[in-house]
Amino acid sequence: MWPFSNRNDKRNHIGKRLIAGLIIGGAIGSIVGKKLMDEQEKNEDDLEKDEIEE
């Protein structure tokens, strides 16, 4: 009956939360990784400019 919770609902809920967490975590990791790569590329470009000037 619908007023009583089903045992499978709890397992299904945990699975949905796990999948959502993996997706959100992947998105955050992608953003942070992109920023770090851009920063590293900028530092390498600055070093090349300094070597050319010397």
Protein backbone atom coordinates (compact mmCIF):
# COMPACT_ATOMS: atom_id res chain seq x y z
CA MET A 1 0.00 0.00 0.00
CA TRP A 2 1.25 3.47 -0.77
CA PRO A 3 1.40 4.95 2.78
CA PHE A 4 4.04 2.39 3.74
CA SER A 5 7.55 2.69 2.39
CA ASN A 6 8.98 -0.10 0.30
CA ARG A 7 12.43 -1.47 1.17
CA ASN A 8 13.58 -1.07 -2.43
CA ASP A 9 12.88 2.66 -2.29
CA LYS A 10 15.72 3.19 0.16
CA ARG A 11 18.22 1.33 -2.03
CA ASN A 12 16.97 3.13 -5.12
CA HIS A 13 17.27 6.51 -3.38
CA ILE A 14 20.89 5.82 -2.40
CA GLY A 15 21.69 4.84 -5.99
CA LYS A 16 20.20 8.05 -7.34
CA ARG A 17 22.15 10.13 -4.84
CA LEU A 18 25.35 8.30 -5.72
CA ILE A 19 24.90 8.87 -9.44
CA ALA A 20 24.01 12.53 -8.91
CA GLY A 21 27.07 12.96 -6.70
CA LEU A 22 29.35 11.44 -9.31
CA ILE A 23 27.96 13.70 -12.03
CA ILE A 24 28.24 16.84 -9.89
CA GLY A 25 31.71 15.85 -8.67
CA GLY A 26 32.86 15.27 -12.23
CA ALA A 27 31.59 18.66 -13.30
CA ILE A 28 33.35 20.41 -10.41
CA GLY A 29 36.56 18.49 -11.13
CA SER A 30 36.38 19.48 -14.77
CA ILE A 31 36.01 23.17 -13.93
CA VAL A 32 38.86 23.13 -11.41
CA GLY A 33 41.09 21.18 -13.81
CA LYS A 34 40.40 23.63 -16.64
CA LYS A 35 41.33 26.59 -14.43
CA LEU A 36 44.56 24.89 -13.34
CA MET A 37 45.51 24.05 -16.93
CA ASP A 38 44.82 27.64 -18.04
CA GLU A 39 46.94 28.98 -15.18
CA GLN A 40 49.80 26.62 -16.04
CA GLU A 41 49.62 27.60 -19.71
CA LYS A 42 49.74 31.29 -18.76
CA ASN A 43 52.81 30.69 -16.58
CA GLU A 44 54.57 28.83 -19.41
CA ASP A 45 53.81 31.67 -21.82
CA ASP A 46 55.23 34.19 -19.33
CA LEU A 47 58.41 32.15 -18.99
CA GLU A 48 58.82 31.98 -22.77
CA LYS A 49 58.39 35.75 -23.04
CA ASP A 50 61.02 36.29 -20.33
CA GLU A 51 63.47 33.98 -22.15
CA ILE A 52 62.93 35.83 -25.43
CA GLU A 53 63.54 39.22 -23.79
CA GLU A 54 66.83 38.12 -22.26
